[in-house]
């Protein structure tokens, strides 16, 4: 992941126009690395059930995408 995201963000860094870059993950460490590299969106495919992921995105300068996933069993406590 890291070499590809680094190349993409570096390629578009000084262009007149650049696309927004999003990463789909449920992993806090992956999201942390992606934010450090310079992605614009974190799409948490688990719907931000991890409090560390919520705190990370709240503190970072990125947009959050909440995703519904039928493959993840529903949590009756939510």
PDB file of N, CA and C in Angstrom:
ATOM      1  N   UNK A   1       0.811  -1.194   0.000  1.00  0.00           N
ATOM      2  CA  UNK A   1       0.000   0.000   0.000  1.00  0.00           C
ATOM      3  C   UNK A   1       0.853   1.256   0.000  1.00  0.00           C
ATOM      4  N   UNK A   2       1.822   1.326   0.876  1.00  0.00           N
ATOM      5  CA  UNK A   2       2.578   2.568   1.055  1.00  0.00           C
ATOM      6  C   UNK A   2       3.289   3.044  -0.209  1.00  0.00           C
ATOM      7  N   UNK A   3       4.018   2.170  -0.939  1.00  0.00           N
ATOM      8  CA  UNK A   3       4.700   2.671  -2.139  1.00  0.00           C
ATOM      9  C   UNK A   3       3.731   3.210  -3.192  1.00  0.00           C
ATOM     10  N   UNK A   4       2.596   2.561  -3.346  1.00  0.00           N
ATOM     11  CA  UNK A   4       1.624   2.999  -4.351  1.00  0.00           C
ATOM     12  C   UNK A   4       1.007   4.329  -3.960  1.00  0.00           C
ATOM     13  N   UNK A   5       0.550   4.462  -2.713  1.00  0.00           N
ATOM     14  CA  UNK A   5      -0.037   5.728  -2.272  1.00  0.00           C
ATOM     15  C   UNK A   5       0.969   6.867  -2.316  1.00  0.00           C
ATOM     16  N   UNK A   6       2.197   6.570  -1.958  1.00  0.00           N
ATOM     17  CA  UNK A   6       3.243   7.597  -2.011  1.00  0.00           C
ATOM     18  C   UNK A   6       3.453   8.075  -3.440  1.00  0.00           C
ATOM     19  N   UNK A   7       3.522   7.163  -4.383  1.00  0.00           N
ATOM     20  CA  UNK A   7       3.694   7.547  -5.792  1.00  0.00           C
ATOM     21  C   UNK A   7       2.511   8.357  -6.302  1.00  0.00           C
ATOM     22  N   UNK A   8       1.307   7.941  -5.958  1.00  0.00           N
ATOM     23  CA  UNK A   8       0.109   8.659  -6.415  1.00  0.00           C
ATOM     24  C   UNK A   8       0.084  10.069  -5.845  1.00  0.00           C
ATOM     25  N   UNK A   9       0.280  10.205  -4.546  1.00  0.00           N
ATOM     26  CA  UNK A   9       0.234  11.542  -3.940  1.00  0.00           C
ATOM     27  C   UNK A   9       1.372  12.419  -4.445  1.00  0.00           C
ATOM     28  N   UNK A  10       2.559  11.864  -4.624  1.00  0.00           N
ATOM     29  CA  UNK A  10       3.679  12.657  -5.151  1.00  0.00           C
ATOM     30  C   UNK A  10       3.440  13.098  -6.582  1.00  0.00           C
ATOM     31  N   UNK A  11       2.859  12.228  -7.390  1.00  0.00           N
ATOM     32  CA  UNK A  11       2.598  12.574  -8.790  1.00  0.00           C
ATOM     33  C   UNK A  11       1.670  13.779  -8.900  1.00  0.00           C
ATOM     34  N   UNK A  12       0.629  13.809  -8.082  1.00  0.00           N
ATOM     35  CA  UNK A  12      -0.376  14.860  -8.178  1.00  0.00           C
ATOM     36  C   UNK A  12      -0.073  16.087  -7.322  1.00  0.00           C
ATOM     37  N   UNK A  13       0.979  16.048  -6.536  1.00  0.00           N
ATOM     38  CA  UNK A  13       1.243  17.091  -5.544  1.00  0.00           C
ATOM     39  C   UNK A  13       1.302  18.500  -6.132  1.00  0.00           C
ATOM     40  N   UNK A  14       2.002  18.716  -7.219  1.00  0.00           N
ATOM     41  CA  UNK A  14       2.213  20.066  -7.762  1.00  0.00           C
ATOM     42  C   UNK A  14       1.494  20.306  -9.088  1.00  0.00           C
ATOM     43  N   UNK A  15       0.447  19.551  -9.341  1.00  0.00           N
ATOM     44  CA  UNK A  15      -0.323  19.727 -10.570  1.00  0.00           C
ATOM     45  C   UNK A  15      -1.369  20.831 -10.371  1.00  0.00           C
ATOM     46  N   UNK A  16      -1.818  21.414 -11.466  1.00  0.00           N
ATOM     47  CA  UNK A  16      -2.859  22.447 -11.388  1.00  0.00           C
ATOM     48  C   UNK A  16      -4.172  21.868 -10.865  1.00  0.00           C
ATOM     49  N   UNK A  17      -4.412  20.617 -11.152  1.00  0.00           N
ATOM     50  CA  UNK A  17      -5.611  19.908 -10.687  1.00  0.00           C
ATOM     51  C   UNK A  17      -5.186  18.559 -10.169  1.00  0.00           C
ATOM     52  N   UNK A  18      -5.798  18.133  -9.081  1.00  0.00           N
ATOM     53  CA  UNK A  18      -5.481  16.799  -8.574  1.00  0.00           C
ATOM     54  C   UNK A  18      -6.740  16.147  -8.020  1.00  0.00           C
ATOM     55  N   UNK A  19      -6.871  14.854  -8.220  1.00  0.00           N
ATOM     56  CA  UNK A  19      -8.037  14.148  -7.697  1.00  0.00           C
ATOM     57  C   UNK A  19      -7.928  13.972  -6.185  1.00  0.00           C
ATOM     58  N   UNK A  20      -9.057  13.794  -5.541  1.00  0.00           N
ATOM     59  CA  UNK A  20      -9.080  13.450  -4.124  1.00  0.00           C
ATOM     60  C   UNK A  20      -8.789  11.959  -4.016  1.00  0.00           C
ATOM     61  N   UNK A  21      -8.021  11.584  -3.014  1.00  0.00           N
ATOM     62  CA  UNK A  21      -7.606  10.192  -2.854  1.00  0.00           C
ATOM     63  C   UNK A  21      -8.266   9.616  -1.610  1.00  0.00           C
ATOM     64  N   UNK A  22      -8.874   8.448  -1.777  1.00  0.00           N
ATOM     65  CA  UNK A  22      -9.574   7.768  -0.689  1.00  0.00           C
ATOM     66  C   UNK A  22      -8.981   6.384  -0.487  1.00  0.00           C
ATOM     67  N   UNK A  23      -8.991   5.947   0.762  1.00  0.00           N
ATOM     68  CA  UNK A  23      -8.563   4.581   1.060  1.00  0.00           C
ATOM     69  C   UNK A  23      -9.673   3.901   1.851  1.00  0.00           C
ATOM     70  N   UNK A  24      -9.973   2.668   1.481  1.00  0.00           N
ATOM     71  CA  UNK A  24     -10.960   1.854   2.191  1.00  0.00           C
ATOM     72  C   UNK A  24     -10.224   0.950   3.167  1.00  0.00           C
ATOM     73  N   UNK A  25     -10.550   1.072   4.445  1.00  0.00           N
ATOM     74  CA  UNK A  25      -9.908   0.230   5.453  1.00  0.00           C
ATOM     75  C   UNK A  25     -10.750   0.202   6.711  1.00  0.00           C
ATOM     76  N   UNK A  26     -10.536  -0.803   7.523  1.00  0.00           N
ATOM     77  CA  UNK A  26     -11.103  -0.853   8.869  1.00  0.00           C
ATOM     78  C   UNK A  26      -9.979  -0.868   9.887  1.00  0.00           C
ATOM     79  N   UNK A  27      -8.743  -0.805   9.403  1.00  0.00           N
ATOM     80  CA  UNK A  27      -7.564  -0.945  10.230  1.00  0.00           C
ATOM     81  C   UNK A  27      -6.995   0.420  10.619  1.00  0.00           C
ATOM     82  N   UNK A  28      -6.883   0.660  11.911  1.00  0.00           N
ATOM     83  CA  UNK A  28      -6.391   1.925  12.440  1.00  0.00           C
ATOM     84  C   UNK A  28      -4.968   2.229  11.970  1.00  0.00           C
ATOM     85  N   UNK A  29      -4.098   1.231  11.979  1.00  0.00           N
ATOM     86  CA  UNK A  29      -2.714   1.450  11.575  1.00  0.00           C
ATOM     87  C   UNK A  29      -2.611   1.794  10.085  1.00  0.00           C
ATOM     88  N   UNK A  30      -3.414   1.136   9.271  1.00  0.00           N
ATOM     89  CA  UNK A  30      -3.429   1.439   7.842  1.00  0.00           C
ATOM     90  C   UNK A  30      -3.905   2.862   7.606  1.00  0.00           C
ATOM     91  N   UNK A  31      -4.957   3.262   8.305  1.00  0.00           N
ATOM     92  CA  UNK A  31      -5.479   4.621   8.166  1.00  0.00           C
ATOM     93  C   UNK A  31      -4.445   5.655   8.610  1.00  0.00           C
ATOM     94  N   UNK A  32      -3.740   5.363   9.677  1.00  0.00           N
ATOM     95  CA  UNK A  32      -2.700   6.274  10.164  1.00  0.00           C
ATOM     96  C   UNK A  32      -1.628   6.483   9.108  1.00  0.00           C
ATOM     97  N   UNK A  33      -1.155   5.402   8.509  1.00  0.00           N
ATOM     98  CA  UNK A  33      -0.131   5.499   7.463  1.00  0.00           C
ATOM     99  C   UNK A  33      -0.654   6.269   6.254  1.00  0.00           C
ATOM    100  N   UNK A  34      -1.895   5.992   5.862  1.00  0.00           N
ATOM    101  CA  UNK A  34      -2.481   6.657   4.698  1.00  0.00           C
ATOM    102  C   UNK A  34      -2.617   8.165   4.935  1.00  0.00           C
ATOM    103  N   UNK A  35      -3.011   8.545   6.132  1.00  0.00           N
ATOM    104  CA  UNK A  35      -3.128   9.972   6.461  1.00  0.00           C
ATOM    105  C   UNK A  35      -1.754  10.630   6.409  1.00  0.00           C
ATOM    106  N   UNK A  36      -0.755   9.967   6.940  1.00  0.00           N
ATOM    107  CA  UNK A  36       0.609  10.491   6.907  1.00  0.00           C
ATOM    108  C   UNK A  36       1.089  10.686   5.467  1.00  0.00           C
ATOM    109  N   UNK A  37       0.710   9.781   4.588  1.00  0.00           N
ATOM    110  CA  UNK A  37       1.101   9.867   3.176  1.00  0.00           C
ATOM    111  C   UNK A  37       0.367  10.997   2.474  1.00  0.00           C
ATOM    112  N   UNK A  38      -0.861  11.295   2.906  1.00  0.00           N
ATOM    113  CA  UNK A  38      -1.571  12.430   2.321  1.00  0.00           C
ATOM    114  C   UNK A  38      -2.900  12.136   1.661  1.00  0.00           C
ATOM    115  N   UNK A  39      -3.575  11.036   2.025  1.00  0.00           N
ATOM    116  CA  UNK A  39      -4.890  10.782   1.441  1.00  0.00           C
ATOM    117  C   UNK A  39      -5.890  11.823   1.936  1.00  0.00           C
ATOM    118  N   UNK A  40      -6.975  11.982   1.186  1.00  0.00           N
ATOM    119  CA  UNK A  40      -7.989  12.983   1.521  1.00  0.00           C
ATOM    120  C   UNK A  40      -9.180  12.403   2.270  1.00  0.00           C
ATOM    121  N   UNK A  41      -9.476  11.123   2.023  1.00  0.00           N
ATOM    122  CA  UNK A  41     -10.644  10.477   2.608  1.00  0.00           C
ATOM    123  C   UNK A  41     -10.255   9.160   3.259  1.00  0.00           C
ATOM    124  N   UNK A  42     -10.847   8.882   4.414  1.00  0.00           N
ATOM    125  CA  UNK A  42     -10.754   7.554   5.024  1.00  0.00           C
ATOM    126  C   UNK A  42     -12.158   6.968   4.984  1.00  0.00           C
ATOM    127  N   UNK A  43     -12.318   5.867   4.261  1.00  0.00           N
ATOM    128  CA  UNK A  43     -13.583   5.163   4.190  1.00  0.00           C
ATOM    129  C   UNK A  43     -13.464   3.941   5.085  1.00  0.00           C
ATOM    130  N   UNK A  44     -14.030   4.056   6.290  1.00  0.00           N
ATOM    131  CA  UNK A  44     -13.962   2.938   7.235  1.00  0.00           C
ATOM    132  C   UNK A  44     -15.059   1.953   6.877  1.00  0.00           C
ATOM    133  N   UNK A  45     -14.655   0.823   6.324  1.00  0.00           N
ATOM    134  CA  UNK A  45     -15.607  -0.171   5.827  1.00  0.00           C
ATOM    135  C   UNK A  45     -16.346  -0.894   6.941  1.00  0.00           C
ATOM    136  N   UNK A  46     -15.971  -0.614   8.203  1.00  0.00           N
ATOM    137  CA  UNK A  46     -16.713  -1.199   9.325  1.00  0.00           C
ATOM    138  C   UNK A  46     -17.675  -0.193   9.948  1.00  0.00           C
ATOM    139  N   UNK A  47     -17.736   1.014   9.398  1.00  0.00           N
ATOM    140  CA  UNK A  47     -18.668   2.011   9.911  1.00  0.00           C
ATOM    141  C   UNK A  47     -18.164   2.729  11.154  1.00  0.00           C
ATOM    142  N   UNK A  48     -16.859   2.808  11.340  1.00  0.00           N
ATOM    143  CA  UNK A  48     -16.237   3.510  12.471  1.00  0.00           C
ATOM    144  C   UNK A  48     -16.661   2.931  13.810  1.00  0.00           C
ATOM    145  N   UNK A  49     -16.605   1.618  13.935  1.00  0.00           N
ATOM    146  CA  UNK A  49     -16.916   0.979  15.217  1.00  0.00           C
ATOM    147  C   UNK A  49     -15.715   1.002  16.166  1.00  0.00           C
ATOM    148  N   UNK A  50     -14.514   1.225  15.651  1.00  0.00           N
ATOM    149  CA  UNK A  50     -13.305   1.283  16.474  1.00  0.00           C
ATOM    150  C   UNK A  50     -13.121   2.709  16.998  1.00  0.00           C
ATOM    151  N   UNK A  51     -13.141   2.914  18.310  1.00  0.00           N
ATOM    152  CA  UNK A  51     -12.967   4.256  18.870  1.00  0.00           C
ATOM    153  C   UNK A  51     -11.636   4.908  18.472  1.00  0.00           C
ATOM    154  N   UNK A  52     -10.587   4.100  18.282  1.00  0.00           N
ATOM    155  CA  UNK A  52      -9.298   4.671  17.850  1.00  0.00           C
ATOM    156  C   UNK A  52      -9.404   5.255  16.448  1.00  0.00           C
ATOM    157  N   UNK A  53     -10.168   4.601  15.583  1.00  0.00           N
ATOM    158  CA  UNK A  53     -10.348   5.109  14.221  1.00  0.00           C
ATOM    159  C   UNK A  53     -11.135   6.423  14.255  1.00  0.00           C
ATOM    160  N   UNK A  54     -12.161   6.472  15.086  1.00  0.00           N
ATOM    161  CA  UNK A  54     -12.954   7.708  15.224  1.00  0.00           C
ATOM    162  C   UNK A  54     -12.077   8.857  15.687  1.00  0.00           C
ATOM    163  N   UNK A  55     -11.260   8.621  16.706  1.00  0.00           N
ATOM    164  CA  UNK A  55     -10.386   9.666  17.232  1.00  0.00           C
ATOM    165  C   UNK A  55      -9.352  10.099  16.195  1.00  0.00           C
ATOM    166  N   UNK A  56      -8.798   9.149  15.467  1.00  0.00           N
ATOM    167  CA  UNK A  56      -7.805   9.453  14.441  1.00  0.00           C
ATOM    168  C   UNK A  56      -8.376  10.386  13.386  1.00  0.00           C
ATOM    169  N   UNK A  57      -9.528  10.048  12.860  1.00  0.00           N
ATOM    170  CA  UNK A  57     -10.126  10.848  11.793  1.00  0.00           C
ATOM    171  C   UNK A  57     -10.596  12.201  12.331  1.00  0.00           C
ATOM    172  N   UNK A  58     -11.071  12.237  13.568  1.00  0.00           N
ATOM    173  CA  UNK A  58     -11.497  13.500  14.164  1.00  0.00           C
ATOM    174  C   UNK A  58     -10.330  14.474  14.305  1.00  0.00           C
ATOM    175  N   UNK A  59      -9.150  13.954  14.582  1.00  0.00           N
ATOM    176  CA  UNK A  59      -7.977  14.796  14.792  1.00  0.00           C
ATOM    177  C   UNK A  59      -7.225  15.115  13.502  1.00  0.00           C
ATOM    178  N   UNK A  60      -7.421  14.326  12.475  1.00  0.00           N
ATOM    179  CA  UNK A  60      -6.683  14.495  11.217  1.00  0.00           C
ATOM    180  C   UNK A  60      -7.428  15.443  10.279  1.00  0.00           C
ATOM    181  N   UNK A  61      -6.699  15.935   9.299  1.00  0.00           N
ATOM    182  CA  UNK A  61      -7.295  16.817   8.293  1.00  0.00           C
ATOM    183  C   UNK A  61      -7.733  15.983   7.093  1.00  0.00           C
ATOM    184  N   UNK A  62      -8.703  15.085   7.330  1.00  0.00           N
ATOM    185  CA  UNK A  62      -9.235  14.220   6.276  1.00  0.00           C
ATOM    186  C   UNK A  62     -10.754  14.167   6.396  1.00  0.00           C
ATOM    187  N   UNK A  63     -11.391  13.752   5.324  1.00  0.00           N
ATOM    188  CA  UNK A  63     -12.827  13.526   5.339  1.00  0.00           C
ATOM    189  C   UNK A  63     -13.098  12.076   5.737  1.00  0.00           C
ATOM    190  N   UNK A  64     -14.247  11.868   6.352  1.00  0.00           N
ATOM    191  CA  UNK A  64     -14.637  10.527   6.770  1.00  0.00           C
ATOM    192  C   UNK A  64     -15.803  10.049   5.927  1.00  0.00           C
ATOM    193  N   UNK A  65     -15.738   8.805   5.503  1.00  0.00           N
ATOM    194  CA  UNK A  65     -16.841   8.166   4.782  1.00  0.00           C
ATOM    195  C   UNK A  65     -17.287   6.979   5.631  1.00  0.00           C
ATOM    196  N   UNK A  66     -18.552   6.974   5.986  1.00  0.00           N
ATOM    197  CA  UNK A  66     -19.112   5.860   6.751  1.00  0.00           C
ATOM    198  C   UNK A  66     -19.710   4.886   5.759  1.00  0.00           C
ATOM    199  N   UNK A  67     -19.353   3.630   5.893  1.00  0.00           N
ATOM    200  CA  UNK A  67     -19.813   2.621   4.948  1.00  0.00           C
ATOM    201  C   UNK A  67     -20.604   1.546   5.674  1.00  0.00           C
ATOM    202  N   UNK A  68     -21.651   1.118   5.043  1.00  0.00           N
ATOM    203  CA  UNK A  68     -22.454   0.011   5.555  1.00  0.00           C
ATOM    204  C   UNK A  68     -21.970  -1.261   4.881  1.00  0.00           C
ATOM    205  N   UNK A  69     -21.750  -2.291   5.659  1.00  0.00           N
ATOM    206  CA  UNK A  69     -21.215  -3.533   5.114  1.00  0.00           C
ATOM    207  C   UNK A  69     -22.073  -4.700   5.586  1.00  0.00           C
ATOM    208  N   UNK A  70     -22.757  -5.353   4.684  1.00  0.00           N
ATOM    209  CA  UNK A  70     -23.591  -6.494   5.047  1.00  0.00           C
ATOM    210  C   UNK A  70     -22.761  -7.704   5.453  1.00  0.00           C
ATOM    211  N   UNK A  71     -21.468  -7.702   5.139  1.00  0.00           N
ATOM    212  CA  UNK A  71     -20.615  -8.811   5.508  1.00  0.00           C
ATOM    213  C   UNK A  71     -20.183  -8.781   6.970  1.00  0.00           C
ATOM    214  N   UNK A  72     -20.397  -7.653   7.635  1.00  0.00           N
ATOM    215  CA  UNK A  72     -20.049  -7.534   9.048  1.00  0.00           C
ATOM    216  C   UNK A  72     -21.327  -7.754   9.848  1.00  0.00           C
ATOM    217  N   UNK A  73     -21.368  -8.719  10.745  1.00  0.00           N
ATOM    218  CA  UNK A  73     -22.592  -8.955  11.501  1.00  0.00           C
ATOM    219  C   UNK A  73     -23.016  -7.725  12.304  1.00  0.00           C
ATOM    220  N   UNK A  74     -24.321  -7.526  12.393  1.00  0.00           N
ATOM    221  CA  UNK A  74     -24.865  -6.401  13.142  1.00  0.00           C
ATOM    222  C   UNK A  74     -24.545  -6.554  14.620  1.00  0.00           C
ATOM    223  N   UNK A  75     -24.299  -5.439  15.270  1.00  0.00           N
ATOM    224  CA  UNK A  75     -24.032  -5.425  16.700  1.00  0.00           C
ATOM    225  C   UNK A  75     -25.278  -4.893  17.395  1.00  0.00           C
ATOM    226  N   UNK A  76     -25.993  -5.723  18.151  1.00  0.00           N
ATOM    227  CA  UNK A  76     -27.230  -5.278  18.783  1.00  0.00           C
ATOM    228  C   UNK A  76     -27.007  -4.224  19.863  1.00  0.00           C
ATOM    229  N   UNK A  77     -25.758  -4.016  20.287  1.00  0.00           N
ATOM    230  CA  UNK A  77     -25.453  -3.015  21.298  1.00  0.00           C
ATOM    231  C   UNK A  77     -25.296  -1.609  20.724  1.00  0.00           C
ATOM    232  N   UNK A  78     -25.285  -1.488  19.407  1.00  0.00           N
ATOM    233  CA  UNK A  78     -25.132  -0.159  18.783  1.00  0.00           C
ATOM    234  C   UNK A  78     -26.461   0.465  18.531  1.00  0.00           C
TER     235      UNK A  78
END
